[in-house]
C-alpha atoms as a PDB file:
ATOM      1  CA  MET A   1     -21.472 -35.296 -23.126  1.00  0.00           C
ATOM      2  CA  TYR A   2     -20.906 -36.788 -19.586  1.00  0.00           C
ATOM      3  CA  GLY A   3     -24.639 -37.259 -18.141  1.00  0.00           C
ATOM      4  CA  ASN A   4     -27.523 -35.211 -20.018  1.00  0.00           C
ATOM      5  CA  ALA A   5     -30.727 -35.927 -20.091  1.00  0.00           C
ATOM      6  CA  TYR A   6     -33.333 -35.644 -22.820  1.00  0.00           C
ATOM      7  CA  ILE A   7     -36.302 -36.543 -23.729  1.00  0.00           C
ATOM      8  CA  ASP A   8     -37.106 -38.055 -27.897  1.00  0.00           C
ATOM      9  CA  PRO A   9     -38.243 -35.158 -28.915  1.00  0.00           C
ATOM     10  CA  ASN A  10     -41.206 -36.985 -30.936  1.00  0.00           C
ATOM     11  CA  ALA A  11     -42.512 -38.407 -27.768  1.00  0.00           C
ATOM     12  CA  LYS A  12     -45.808 -36.585 -26.785  1.00  0.00           C
ATOM     13  CA  LEU A  13     -45.702 -35.190 -23.000  1.00  0.00           C
ATOM     14  CA  PRO A  14     -49.106 -36.820 -22.259  1.00  0.00           C
ATOM     15  CA  SER A  15     -47.410 -40.539 -23.238  1.00  0.00           C
ATOM     16  CA  ILE A  16     -44.555 -39.610 -20.298  1.00  0.00           C
ATOM     17  CA  LEU A  17     -46.754 -39.001 -17.485  1.00  0.00           C
ATOM     18  CA  GLU A  18     -49.320 -41.644 -19.105  1.00  0.00           C
ATOM     19  CA  GLY A  19     -50.662 -44.199 -15.570  1.00  0.00           C
ATOM     20  CA  GLU A  20     -48.991 -42.251 -13.009  1.00  0.00           C
ATOM     21  CA  ASP A  21     -50.693 -41.438  -9.809  1.00  0.00           C
ATOM     22  CA  PRO A  22     -51.521 -37.629 -10.026  1.00  0.00           C
ATOM     23  CA  VAL A  23     -51.301 -37.655  -5.866  1.00  0.00           C
ATOM     24  CA  LYS A  24     -48.019 -38.764  -5.546  1.00  0.00           C
ATOM     25  CA  LEU A  25     -46.669 -36.798  -8.799  1.00  0.00           C
ATOM     26  CA  ALA A  26     -47.884 -33.521  -7.217  1.00  0.00           C
ATOM     27  CA  GLU A  27     -46.202 -34.458  -3.938  1.00  0.00           C
ATOM     28  CA  PHE A  28     -42.853 -35.591  -5.758  1.00  0.00           C
ATOM     29  CA  GLU A  29     -42.843 -32.504  -7.460  1.00  0.00           C
ATOM     30  CA  ALA A  30     -43.617 -30.183  -4.587  1.00  0.00           C
ATOM     31  CA  ARG A  31     -40.226 -32.167  -2.389  1.00  0.00           C
ATOM     32  CA  ILE A  32     -38.209 -30.607  -5.719  1.00  0.00           C
ATOM     33  CA  ALA A  33     -39.476 -27.348  -5.496  1.00  0.00           C
ATOM     34  CA  ARG A  34     -38.899 -27.443  -1.697  1.00  0.00           C
ATOM     35  CA  GLY A  35     -35.327 -28.495  -2.822  1.00  0.00           C
ATOM     36  CA  GLU A  36     -35.194 -32.064  -0.993  1.00  0.00           C
ATOM     37  CA  LYS A  37     -33.358 -35.117  -1.979  1.00  0.00           C
ATOM     38  CA  ILE A  38     -35.139 -38.238  -3.967  1.00  0.00           C
ATOM     39  CA  GLU A  39     -33.803 -41.345  -2.688  1.00  0.00           C
ATOM     40  CA  PRO A  40     -33.720 -44.679  -3.872  1.00  0.00           C
ATOM     41  CA  GLN A  41     -36.589 -46.247  -1.511  1.00  0.00           C
ATOM     42  CA  ASP A  42     -38.855 -42.449  -2.364  1.00  0.00           C
ATOM     43  CA  TRP A  43     -41.497 -43.145  -5.128  1.00  0.00           C
ATOM     44  CA  MET A  44     -40.311 -41.433  -8.428  1.00  0.00           C
ATOM     45  CA  PRO A  45     -41.796 -41.321 -12.295  1.00  0.00           C
ATOM     46  CA  LYS A  46     -41.312 -43.941 -14.239  1.00  0.00           C
ATOM     47  CA  GLU A  47     -39.734 -40.868 -16.750  1.00  0.00           C
ATOM     48  CA  TYR A  48     -37.728 -39.901 -13.781  1.00  0.00           C
ATOM     49  CA  ARG A  49     -36.187 -42.831 -12.557  1.00  0.00           C
ATOM     50  CA  ARG A  50     -35.323 -44.440 -17.084  1.00  0.00           C
ATOM     51  CA  GLN A  51     -33.913 -40.910 -17.600  1.00  0.00           C
ATOM     52  CA  LEU A  52     -31.701 -41.029 -14.065  1.00  0.00           C
ATOM     53  CA  VAL A  53     -30.553 -44.512 -15.032  1.00  0.00           C
ATOM     54  CA  ARG A  54     -29.532 -43.711 -18.895  1.00  0.00           C
ATOM     55  CA  MET A  55     -27.972 -40.740 -17.754  1.00  0.00           C
ATOM     56  CA  ILE A  56     -25.507 -41.264 -14.699  1.00  0.00           C
ATOM     57  CA  GLU A  57     -24.911 -44.922 -17.154  1.00  0.00           C
ATOM     58  CA  GLN A  58     -23.405 -42.871 -19.658  1.00  0.00           C
ATOM     59  CA  HIS A  59     -21.705 -40.714 -16.991  1.00  0.00           C
ATOM     60  CA  ALA A  60     -19.899 -43.807 -15.740  1.00  0.00           C
ATOM     61  CA  HIS A  61     -19.269 -45.222 -19.292  1.00  0.00           C
ATOM     62  CA  SER A  62     -17.190 -41.933 -20.414  1.00  0.00           C
ATOM     63  CA  GLU A  63     -15.046 -41.973 -17.257  1.00  0.00           C
ATOM     64  CA  ILE A  64     -13.946 -45.877 -17.984  1.00  0.00           C
ATOM     65  CA  ILE A  65     -13.777 -44.917 -21.448  1.00  0.00           C
ATOM     66  CA  GLY A  66     -12.454 -41.981 -21.493  1.00  0.00           C
ATOM     67  CA  ALA A  67      -9.303 -42.914 -19.331  1.00  0.00           C
ATOM     68  CA  LEU A  68      -8.174 -44.636 -22.607  1.00  0.00           C
ATOM     69  CA  PRO A  69      -6.826 -41.938 -24.756  1.00  0.00           C
ATOM     70  CA  GLU A  70      -4.776 -40.856 -21.741  1.00  0.00           C
ATOM     71  CA  GLY A  71      -4.005 -43.932 -20.272  1.00  0.00           C
ATOM     72  CA  THR A  72      -2.233 -45.147 -23.441  1.00  0.00           C
ATOM     73  CA  TRP A  73       0.739 -42.126 -22.415  1.00  0.00           C
ATOM     74  CA  ILE A  74       1.510 -43.244 -19.635  1.00  0.00           C
ATOM     75  CA  THR A  75       4.946 -45.466 -20.555  1.00  0.00           C
ATOM     76  CA  ARG A  76       5.594 -42.327 -22.948  1.00  0.00           C
ATOM     77  CA  ALA A  77       5.584 -39.571 -20.462  1.00  0.00           C
ATOM     78  CA  PRO A  78       7.984 -37.098 -20.861  1.00  0.00           C
ATOM     79  CA  GLY A  79       9.446 -37.531 -17.329  1.00  0.00           C
ATOM     80  CA  PHE A  80       8.945 -39.339 -13.930  1.00  0.00           C
ATOM     81  CA  ARG A  81       6.801 -36.858 -12.240  1.00  0.00           C
ATOM     82  CA  ARG A  82       4.393 -36.741 -15.100  1.00  0.00           C
ATOM     83  CA  LYS A  83       4.252 -40.447 -15.621  1.00  0.00           C
ATOM     84  CA  LEU A  84       3.053 -40.238 -11.837  1.00  0.00           C
ATOM     85  CA  ALA A  85       0.625 -37.788 -11.720  1.00  0.00           C
ATOM     86  CA  LEU A  86      -0.945 -39.255 -15.247  1.00  0.00           C
ATOM     87  CA  ILE A  87      -1.547 -42.683 -13.450  1.00  0.00           C
ATOM     88  CA  ALA A  88      -3.325 -40.825 -10.402  1.00  0.00           C
ATOM     89  CA  LYS A  89      -5.322 -39.104 -12.666  1.00  0.00           C
ATOM     90  CA  VAL A  90      -5.626 -42.212 -14.709  1.00  0.00           C
ATOM     91  CA  GLN A  91      -6.602 -43.749 -11.592  1.00  0.00           C
ATOM     92  CA  ASP A  92      -9.302 -41.623 -10.793  1.00  0.00           C
ATOM     93  CA  GLU A  93     -11.113 -41.759 -13.499  1.00  0.00           C
ATOM     94  CA  VAL A  94     -12.103 -45.170 -13.044  1.00  0.00           C
ATOM     95  CA  GLY A  95     -12.928 -44.676  -9.917  1.00  0.00           C
ATOM     96  CA  HIS A  96     -15.189 -42.267 -10.889  1.00  0.00           C
ATOM     97  CA  GLY A  97     -16.435 -44.987 -12.767  1.00  0.00           C
ATOM     98  CA  GLN A  98     -17.258 -46.940  -9.699  1.00  0.00           C
ATOM     99  CA  LEU A  99     -18.522 -44.719  -8.220  1.00  0.00           C
ATOM    100  CA  LEU A 100     -21.342 -43.848 -10.645  1.00  0.00           C
ATOM    101  CA  TYR A 101     -22.159 -47.453 -11.581  1.00  0.00           C
ATOM    102  CA  SER A 102     -22.640 -47.987  -7.753  1.00  0.00           C
ATOM    103  CA  ALA A 103     -25.652 -44.210  -8.305  1.00  0.00           C
ATOM    104  CA  ALA A 104     -26.827 -45.990 -11.210  1.00  0.00           C
ATOM    105  CA  GLU A 105     -27.819 -49.556  -9.494  1.00  0.00           C
ATOM    106  CA  THR A 106     -29.566 -47.608  -6.677  1.00  0.00           C
ATOM    107  CA  LEU A 107     -32.200 -47.340  -9.740  1.00  0.00           C
ATOM    108  CA  GLY A 108     -32.609 -50.963 -10.103  1.00  0.00           C
ATOM    109  CA  LYS A 109     -29.833 -51.973 -13.299  1.00  0.00           C
ATOM    110  CA  SER A 110     -26.889 -54.262 -12.399  1.00  0.00           C
ATOM    111  CA  ARG A 111     -23.702 -53.102 -13.112  1.00  0.00           C
ATOM    112  CA  GLU A 112     -23.204 -56.101 -15.416  1.00  0.00           C
ATOM    113  CA  ASP A 113     -26.199 -54.992 -17.316  1.00  0.00           C
ATOM    114  CA  MET A 114     -24.527 -51.428 -18.042  1.00  0.00           C
ATOM    115  CA  ILE A 115     -21.318 -53.397 -18.765  1.00  0.00           C
ATOM    116  CA  ASN A 116     -23.007 -55.546 -21.583  1.00  0.00           C
ATOM    117  CA  ASP A 117     -24.849 -52.440 -23.153  1.00  0.00           C
ATOM    118  CA  LEU A 118     -22.317 -50.623 -23.075  1.00  0.00           C
ATOM    119  CA  ILE A 119     -19.883 -53.197 -25.011  1.00  0.00           C
ATOM    120  CA  SER A 120     -22.830 -54.352 -27.111  1.00  0.00           C
ATOM    121  CA  GLY A 121     -22.933 -50.461 -28.106  1.00  0.00           C
ATOM    122  CA  LYS A 122     -26.852 -49.978 -27.013  1.00  0.00           C
ATOM    123  CA  SER A 123     -25.164 -47.443 -24.621  1.00  0.00           C
ATOM    124  CA  LYS A 124     -23.400 -44.335 -25.075  1.00  0.00           C
ATOM    125  CA  TYR A 125     -21.012 -42.419 -24.108  1.00  0.00           C
ATOM    126  CA  SER A 126     -19.311 -39.400 -24.167  1.00  0.00           C
ATOM    127  CA  ASN A 127     -18.397 -38.194 -28.392  1.00  0.00           C
ATOM    128  CA  VAL A 128     -14.878 -36.519 -26.966  1.00  0.00           C
ATOM    129  CA  PHE A 129     -13.025 -39.957 -26.069  1.00  0.00           C
ATOM    130  CA  ASN A 130     -13.816 -41.351 -29.850  1.00  0.00           C
ATOM    131  CA  TYR A 131     -10.750 -39.105 -30.924  1.00  0.00           C
ATOM    132  CA  PRO A 132      -7.416 -40.546 -31.421  1.00  0.00           C
ATOM    133  CA  ALA A 133      -4.397 -39.081 -28.569  1.00  0.00           C
ATOM    134  CA  LYS A 134      -1.522 -38.467 -30.810  1.00  0.00           C
ATOM    135  CA  THR A 135       0.885 -36.854 -28.834  1.00  0.00           C
ATOM    136  CA  TRP A 136       1.567 -36.325 -25.514  1.00  0.00           C
ATOM    137  CA  ALA A 137      -0.115 -32.472 -25.807  1.00  0.00           C
ATOM    138  CA  ASP A 138      -3.258 -34.136 -26.910  1.00  0.00           C
ATOM    139  CA  SER A 139      -3.153 -35.514 -23.448  1.00  0.00           C
ATOM    140  CA  ALA A 140      -2.337 -32.061 -22.162  1.00  0.00           C
ATOM    141  CA  VAL A 141      -5.768 -30.740 -24.168  1.00  0.00           C
ATOM    142  CA  ILE A 142      -7.820 -33.531 -23.114  1.00  0.00           C
ATOM    143  CA  ALA A 143      -6.659 -32.785 -19.252  1.00  0.00           C
ATOM    144  CA  TRP A 144      -7.584 -28.934 -19.503  1.00  0.00           C
ATOM    145  CA  LEU A 145     -10.207 -28.567 -21.452  1.00  0.00           C
ATOM    146  CA  ILE A 146     -12.215 -31.817 -21.589  1.00  0.00           C
ATOM    147  CA  ASP A 147     -11.908 -32.179 -17.928  1.00  0.00           C
ATOM    148  CA  ALA A 148     -12.897 -28.008 -17.761  1.00  0.00           C
ATOM    149  CA  GLY A 149     -15.801 -29.266 -19.636  1.00  0.00           C
ATOM    150  CA  ALA A 150     -17.050 -32.052 -17.430  1.00  0.00           C
ATOM    151  CA  ILE A 151     -16.345 -29.338 -14.131  1.00  0.00           C
ATOM    152  CA  VAL A 152     -19.026 -27.710 -15.605  1.00  0.00           C
ATOM    153  CA  ASN A 153     -21.397 -30.259 -16.447  1.00  0.00           C
ATOM    154  CA  GLN A 154     -20.693 -31.975 -13.053  1.00  0.00           C
ATOM    155  CA  LEU A 155     -21.193 -28.719 -10.801  1.00  0.00           C
ATOM    156  CA  ALA A 156     -24.450 -28.438 -12.487  1.00  0.00           C
ATOM    157  CA  ASN A 157     -25.787 -31.722 -11.852  1.00  0.00           C
ATOM    158  CA  SER A 158     -24.182 -31.467  -8.604  1.00  0.00           C
ATOM    159  CA  LYS A 159     -27.195 -29.548  -7.361  1.00  0.00           C
ATOM    160  CA  GLY A 160     -29.732 -31.893  -8.528  1.00  0.00           C
ATOM    161  CA  SER A 161     -32.607 -34.002  -7.200  1.00  0.00           C
ATOM    162  CA  TYR A 162     -31.446 -37.429  -7.031  1.00  0.00           C
ATOM    163  CA  GLY A 163     -29.300 -37.642  -3.372  1.00  0.00           C
ATOM    164  CA  PRO A 164     -26.452 -40.843  -4.877  1.00  0.00           C
ATOM    165  CA  TYR A 165     -25.729 -39.063  -7.587  1.00  0.00           C
ATOM    166  CA  CYS A 166     -25.310 -36.041  -6.393  1.00  0.00           C
ATOM    167  CA  ARG A 167     -23.532 -37.275  -3.404  1.00  0.00           C
ATOM    168  CA  ALA A 168     -20.773 -39.308  -6.336  1.00  0.00           C
ATOM    169  CA  LEU A 169     -20.905 -35.409  -7.862  1.00  0.00           C
ATOM    170  CA  ASP A 170     -19.504 -33.910  -4.922  1.00  0.00           C
ATOM    171  CA  ARG A 171     -16.850 -36.063  -4.537  1.00  0.00           C
ATOM    172  CA  ILE A 172     -15.421 -36.064  -8.245  1.00  0.00           C
ATOM    173  CA  CYS A 173     -16.063 -32.720  -9.265  1.00  0.00           C
ATOM    174  CA  ALA A 174     -13.055 -32.111  -6.083  1.00  0.00           C
ATOM    175  CA  GLU A 175     -10.989 -34.612  -7.482  1.00  0.00           C
ATOM    176  CA  GLU A 176     -11.411 -33.406 -11.223  1.00  0.00           C
ATOM    177  CA  ALA A 177     -10.348 -29.627  -9.763  1.00  0.00           C
ATOM    178  CA  PHE A 178      -6.807 -31.194  -9.575  1.00  0.00           C
ATOM    179  CA  HIS A 179      -7.066 -33.150 -12.531  1.00  0.00           C
ATOM    180  CA  LEU A 180      -8.080 -29.043 -14.331  1.00  0.00           C
ATOM    181  CA  LYS A 181      -4.784 -28.286 -12.858  1.00  0.00           C
ATOM    182  CA  TYR A 182      -3.156 -30.722 -13.485  1.00  0.00           C
ATOM    183  CA  GLY A 183      -3.367 -30.560 -17.242  1.00  0.00           C
ATOM    184  CA  HIS A 184      -3.597 -26.815 -17.376  1.00  0.00           C
ATOM    185  CA  ASP A 185       0.299 -26.769 -16.111  1.00  0.00           C
ATOM    186  CA  ASN A 186       1.331 -29.441 -19.128  1.00  0.00           C
ATOM    187  CA  VAL A 187      -0.316 -26.577 -21.947  1.00  0.00           C
ATOM    188  CA  VAL A 188       1.358 -23.906 -19.852  1.00  0.00           C
ATOM    189  CA  PHE A 189       4.758 -25.846 -20.350  1.00  0.00           C
ATOM    190  CA  LEU A 190       4.080 -26.699 -23.490  1.00  0.00           C
ATOM    191  CA  ALA A 191       2.997 -23.441 -24.688  1.00  0.00           C
ATOM    192  CA  THR A 192       5.836 -21.340 -23.241  1.00  0.00           C
ATOM    193  CA  GLY A 193       8.346 -23.584 -24.438  1.00  0.00           C
ATOM    194  CA  THR A 194      10.382 -24.695 -27.274  1.00  0.00           C
ATOM    195  CA  ASP A 195       8.727 -24.065 -31.133  1.00  0.00           C
ATOM    196  CA  VAL A 196       8.351 -27.668 -30.940  1.00  0.00           C
ATOM    197  CA  GLN A 197       6.442 -28.112 -28.149  1.00  0.00           C
ATOM    198  CA  ARG A 198       4.335 -24.740 -28.805  1.00  0.00           C
ATOM    199  CA  ALA A 199       3.418 -26.180 -32.154  1.00  0.00           C
ATOM    200  CA  MET A 200       2.908 -29.638 -31.280  1.00  0.00           C
ATOM    201  CA  VAL A 201       0.277 -28.262 -28.145  1.00  0.00           C
ATOM    202  CA  GLN A 202      -1.191 -25.492 -30.892  1.00  0.00           C
ATOM    203  CA  ASP A 203      -1.633 -28.848 -33.067  1.00  0.00           C
ATOM    204  CA  ALA A 204      -3.623 -31.310 -30.945  1.00  0.00           C
ATOM    205  CA  LEU A 205      -5.957 -27.872 -29.451  1.00  0.00           C
ATOM    206  CA  THR A 206      -6.888 -27.100 -33.509  1.00  0.00           C
ATOM    207  CA  ARG A 207      -7.773 -31.167 -33.572  1.00  0.00           C
ATOM    208  CA  TRP A 208      -9.471 -31.388 -29.986  1.00  0.00           C
ATOM    209  CA  TRP A 209     -11.802 -28.011 -30.632  1.00  0.00           C
ATOM    210  CA  PRO A 210     -14.617 -29.205 -32.753  1.00  0.00           C
ATOM    211  CA  PRO A 211     -14.576 -32.593 -30.437  1.00  0.00           C
ATOM    212  CA  ILE A 212     -14.736 -30.045 -27.404  1.00  0.00           C
ATOM    213  CA  MET A 213     -17.627 -27.330 -28.869  1.00  0.00           C
ATOM    214  CA  HIS A 214     -19.619 -30.927 -29.412  1.00  0.00           C
ATOM    215  CA  PHE A 215     -19.347 -31.893 -25.464  1.00  0.00           C
ATOM    216  CA  PHE A 216     -22.344 -29.927 -24.429  1.00  0.00           C
ATOM    217  CA  GLY A 217     -24.866 -31.411 -27.152  1.00  0.00           C
ATOM    218  CA  PRO A 218     -26.674 -30.024 -29.117  1.00  0.00           C
ATOM    219  CA  SER A 219     -28.673 -26.710 -29.105  1.00  0.00           C
ATOM    220  CA  ASP A 220     -31.834 -27.369 -26.057  1.00  0.00           C
ATOM    221  CA  ARG A 221     -34.103 -25.996 -28.650  1.00  0.00           C
ATOM    222  CA  SER A 222     -34.314 -29.509 -30.311  1.00  0.00           C
ATOM    223  CA  SER A 223     -35.942 -30.834 -27.366  1.00  0.00           C
ATOM    224  CA  LYS A 224     -39.814 -30.019 -26.769  1.00  0.00           C
ATOM    225  CA  HIS A 225     -39.533 -31.258 -23.167  1.00  0.00           C
ATOM    226  CA  THR A 226     -36.642 -30.003 -21.381  1.00  0.00           C
ATOM    227  CA  GLU A 227     -38.943 -27.873 -19.434  1.00  0.00           C
ATOM    228  CA  ILE A 228     -40.288 -31.370 -17.524  1.00  0.00           C
ATOM    229  CA  LEU A 229     -36.501 -32.233 -17.008  1.00  0.00           C
ATOM    230  CA  MET A 230     -35.423 -28.985 -15.883  1.00  0.00           C
ATOM    231  CA  ARG A 231     -38.605 -28.760 -13.395  1.00  0.00           C
ATOM    232  CA  TRP A 232     -37.569 -32.403 -11.838  1.00  0.00           C
ATOM    233  CA  LYS A 233     -33.850 -31.082 -11.303  1.00  0.00           C
ATOM    234  CA  VAL A 234     -33.069 -34.048 -13.425  1.00  0.00           C
ATOM    235  CA  LYS A 235     -31.617 -31.355 -16.236  1.00  0.00           C
ATOM    236  CA  MET A 236     -30.136 -27.874 -14.666  1.00  0.00           C
ATOM    237  CA  ALA A 237     -28.819 -26.191 -17.619  1.00  0.00           C
ATOM    238  CA  SER A 238     -28.733 -25.940 -20.816  1.00  0.00           C
ATOM    239  CA  ASN A 239     -26.672 -27.565 -23.665  1.00  0.00           C
ATOM    240  CA  ASP A 240     -26.400 -23.931 -24.675  1.00  0.00           C
ATOM    241  CA  ASP A 241     -25.901 -22.614 -20.967  1.00  0.00           C
ATOM    242  CA  MET A 242     -23.149 -24.610 -20.300  1.00  0.00           C
ATOM    243  CA  ARG A 243     -21.529 -24.228 -23.709  1.00  0.00           C
ATOM    244  CA  GLN A 244     -21.489 -20.384 -22.661  1.00  0.00           C
ATOM    245  CA  GLN A 245     -20.072 -20.844 -19.640  1.00  0.00           C
ATOM    246  CA  PHE A 246     -17.421 -22.729 -20.739  1.00  0.00           C
ATOM    247  CA  LEU A 247     -15.993 -20.529 -23.427  1.00  0.00           C
ATOM    248  CA  ASN A 248     -16.530 -17.611 -20.878  1.00  0.00           C
ATOM    249  CA  MET A 249     -14.285 -19.631 -18.445  1.00  0.00           C
ATOM    250  CA  TYR A 250     -11.762 -20.450 -20.653  1.00  0.00           C
ATOM    251  CA  VAL A 251     -11.543 -18.561 -23.921  1.00  0.00           C
ATOM    252  CA  PRO A 252      -9.469 -16.101 -22.557  1.00  0.00           C
ATOM    253  CA  LYS A 253      -7.281 -18.332 -20.842  1.00  0.00           C
ATOM    254  CA  ILE A 254      -6.225 -19.932 -24.095  1.00  0.00           C
ATOM    255  CA  TRP A 255      -5.793 -16.513 -26.238  1.00  0.00           C
ATOM    256  CA  ASP A 256      -3.722 -15.289 -23.032  1.00  0.00           C
ATOM    257  CA  LEU A 257      -1.470 -18.453 -24.066  1.00  0.00           C
ATOM    258  CA  GLY A 258      -1.068 -17.108 -26.925  1.00  0.00           C
ATOM    259  CA  LEU A 259      -3.170 -20.183 -28.598  1.00  0.00           C
ATOM    260  CA  VAL A 260      -4.838 -19.513 -31.445  1.00  0.00           C
ATOM    261  CA  LEU A 261      -8.422 -21.381 -31.521  1.00  0.00           C
ATOM    262  CA  PRO A 262      -9.444 -22.916 -35.093  1.00  0.00           C
ATOM    263  CA  ASP A 263     -13.084 -21.042 -35.485  1.00  0.00           C
ATOM    264  CA  PRO A 264     -12.895 -17.433 -36.938  1.00  0.00           C
ATOM    265  CA  ASN A 265     -16.068 -16.544 -36.194  1.00  0.00           C
ATOM    266  CA  LEU A 266     -15.351 -16.999 -32.361  1.00  0.00           C
ATOM    267  CA  LYS A 267     -16.200 -13.606 -30.444  1.00  0.00           C
ATOM    268  CA  LYS A 268     -17.731 -12.146 -27.200  1.00  0.00           C
ATOM    269  CA  ASN A 269     -20.924 -10.057 -28.242  1.00  0.00           C
ATOM    270  CA  ASN A 270     -21.088  -7.196 -25.629  1.00  0.00           C
ATOM    271  CA  GLU A 271     -23.969  -5.896 -25.949  1.00  0.00           C
ATOM    272  CA  THR A 272     -25.811  -9.615 -24.877  1.00  0.00           C
ATOM    273  CA  GLY A 273     -22.556 -10.799 -23.264  1.00  0.00           C
ATOM    274  CA  LEU A 274     -22.691 -14.142 -25.104  1.00  0.00           C
ATOM    275  CA  TRP A 275     -20.148 -15.825 -27.255  1.00  0.00           C
ATOM    276  CA  GLU A 276     -21.045 -15.943 -30.640  1.00  0.00           C
ATOM    277  CA  TYR A 277     -19.201 -19.173 -32.701  1.00  0.00           C
ATOM    278  CA  THR A 278     -19.406 -21.016 -36.013  1.00  0.00           C
ATOM    279  CA  GLU A 279     -22.085 -24.127 -35.650  1.00  0.00           C
ATOM    280  CA  PRO A 280     -20.547 -27.092 -34.636  1.00  0.00           C
ATOM    281  CA  ASP A 281     -21.199 -30.181 -36.851  1.00  0.00           C
ATOM    282  CA  TRP A 282     -23.665 -31.684 -35.608  1.00  0.00           C
ATOM    283  CA  ASP A 283     -23.852 -34.867 -38.485  1.00  0.00           C
ATOM    284  CA  GLU A 284     -20.406 -35.439 -37.004  1.00  0.00           C
ATOM    285  CA  PHE A 285     -21.510 -35.669 -33.739  1.00  0.00           C
ATOM    286  CA  LYS A 286     -24.246 -37.825 -34.445  1.00  0.00           C
ATOM    287  CA  ARG A 287     -22.012 -39.742 -36.725  1.00  0.00           C
ATOM    288  CA  VAL A 288     -19.779 -40.430 -33.182  1.00  0.00           C
ATOM    289  CA  ILE A 289     -21.981 -40.723 -30.819  1.00  0.00           C
ATOM    290  CA  ASN A 290     -23.824 -43.316 -32.922  1.00  0.00           C
ATOM    291  CA  GLY A 291     -20.353 -46.001 -33.349  1.00  0.00           C
ATOM    292  CA  ASP A 292     -18.803 -44.332 -36.551  1.00  0.00           C
ATOM    293  CA  GLY A 293     -16.093 -42.313 -34.862  1.00  0.00           C
ATOM    294  CA  PRO A 294     -12.158 -42.644 -35.459  1.00  0.00           C
ATOM    295  CA  CYS A 295     -11.915 -44.454 -32.345  1.00  0.00           C
ATOM    296  CA  ASN A 296     -15.005 -46.384 -31.254  1.00  0.00           C
ATOM    297  CA  ALA A 297     -14.607 -49.559 -32.629  1.00  0.00           C
ATOM    298  CA  GLU A 298     -11.113 -49.346 -31.022  1.00  0.00           C
ATOM    299  CA  ARG A 299     -12.091 -48.158 -27.740  1.00  0.00           C
ATOM    300  CA  LEU A 300     -15.222 -51.007 -27.706  1.00  0.00           C
ATOM    301  CA  ALA A 301     -12.648 -53.482 -28.380  1.00  0.00           C
ATOM    302  CA  VAL A 302     -10.447 -52.221 -25.361  1.00  0.00           C
ATOM    303  CA  ARG A 303     -13.191 -52.831 -22.739  1.00  0.00           C
ATOM    304  CA  ARG A 304     -14.326 -56.028 -24.352  1.00  0.00           C
ATOM    305  CA  THR A 305     -10.923 -57.717 -23.845  1.00  0.00           C
ATOM    306  CA  ALA A 306     -10.950 -56.412 -20.543  1.00  0.00           C
ATOM    307  CA  GLU A 307     -13.954 -57.878 -19.424  1.00  0.00           C
ATOM    308  CA  GLU A 308     -13.220 -61.039 -21.334  1.00  0.00           C
ATOM    309  CA  ASN A 309      -9.870 -61.449 -19.675  1.00  0.00           C
ATOM    310  CA  GLY A 310     -11.322 -60.573 -16.117  1.00  0.00           C
ATOM    311  CA  ARG A 311     -14.127 -62.573 -16.613  1.00  0.00           C
ATOM    312  CA  TRP A 312     -12.358 -65.473 -14.359  1.00  0.00           C
ATOM    313  CA  VAL A 313     -12.019 -63.598 -11.273  1.00  0.00           C
ATOM    314  CA  VAL A 314     -15.565 -62.738 -11.185  1.00  0.00           C
ATOM    315  CA  ASN A 315     -16.307 -66.284 -12.009  1.00  0.00           C
ATOM    316  CA  ALA A 316     -13.845 -66.992  -8.786  1.00  0.00           C
ATOM    317  CA  LEU A 317     -15.779 -64.480  -6.191  1.00  0.00           C
ATOM    318  CA  ARG A 318     -19.210 -65.681  -7.482  1.00  0.00           C
ATOM    319  CA  LYS A 319     -21.576 -68.061  -5.138  1.00  0.00           C
ATOM    320  CA  PRO A 320     -23.021 -70.222  -6.712  1.00  0.00           C
ATOM    321  CA  ASP A 321     -26.574 -68.991  -4.893  1.00  0.00           C
ATOM    322  CA  GLU A 322     -25.610 -65.459  -4.610  1.00  0.00           C
ATOM    323  CA  LYS A 323     -28.483 -62.718  -5.784  1.00  0.00           C
ATOM    324  CA  TYR A 324     -28.388 -59.083  -6.929  1.00  0.00           C
ATOM    325  CA  VAL A 325     -28.847 -56.629  -4.131  1.00  0.00           C
ATOM    326  CA  THR A 326     -30.079 -53.072  -5.519  1.00  0.00           C
ATOM    327  CA  PRO A 327     -27.460 -50.819  -3.179  1.00  0.00           C
ATOM    328  CA  LEU A 328     -29.114 -48.632  -0.378  1.00  0.00           C
ATOM    329  CA  ALA A 329     -27.622 -45.383  -1.454  1.00  0.00           C
END
C-alpha cells in the first residue's frame, strides 16, 4: 500500500526499544502525545526512524511506479482534453515521488540508495501497480478508486508525528483531490455511455476490485506491535479501519452508477455499521508484493532502463569533490 508501517510480528517489543535512553524516549513520547511534530534534527528512537524511512520510501516508489500503467495511455487517450488531463496527472504523480524522496532523505537515506533498492527489488511499492491497464477504462478506475484509497491513507498519515512527511502529504493530498475528480468524471462518462463503454468500465472494475481490496494491507490483527506505532503516530489508522472508510465512501457511489462489484458477500451490516466482504486472497497479495505479480518484472525493467538512460545526466552534473548532504526539512 501507499506508505504504511508494520513491525515483524515475530519481533519482541523489548528488542525494538533495546538500547534506547529511557529519559529521551519518555520526552519523545510526551512531545508526540502533545501533538508536536518531530523534525529531522530531533532525537528519535531507532525503530521510529527505520519505520519512517521504510514507509516514506515505499510511498515514493509507489508514486513513481504508479505513473507507469496510466502513462501508457497518454498516446491513446480518447481526445485531446483527456490527453492533456492525463499528462498533467502523470506529471503530478512523479512530482509526488520527488517530494517524498526528499522527505525520506531527511532521515539519512540518500535518494540514490532508495532508487537502487527499488531497482534491485529490496524496497517494495504498492501491490496495485503490478497489474496491467488493458483498456482506457482501466486508467479511469485507477484514477478514481486507487487514488481514492490513496487519499484515505494519506489524509490519515498527514496527521502523523513526522513534520517533513506531514508537510509533503498536505500538498500531495490537495493535488490527489483533483485526480480523484478527474477519475470520477471518466468513470461516470463511460458508465453512462454506450453499451460498449459501459461493458468496458464494468470489466475494468471487476478486474481491479481484488487489488483494490488488497490496497490497505492485511488486517492489523496479524501485528502484535501496531499499538506502539500508533502511539508514536507513525501509523495513524489500522488497515481495517481505512478499508472500512473507503468502502463506506465509495461503494454507494459505484452502485449508484449501476456498476456491479465482484463480491456477492459485500454488504453493510446495519447493526454494526461495518461492511462485510469476502476475505481477500492474501496469498496473492504476498506473491505480488514479493515480486511475482503480472507486471512486477515489467515495471522494474522500465524503471531500470530509465535510470540507466539518464545516468549520463547525473554524471555530467556531479562534481568530483561533491558530498551527499542530508536535507534539513
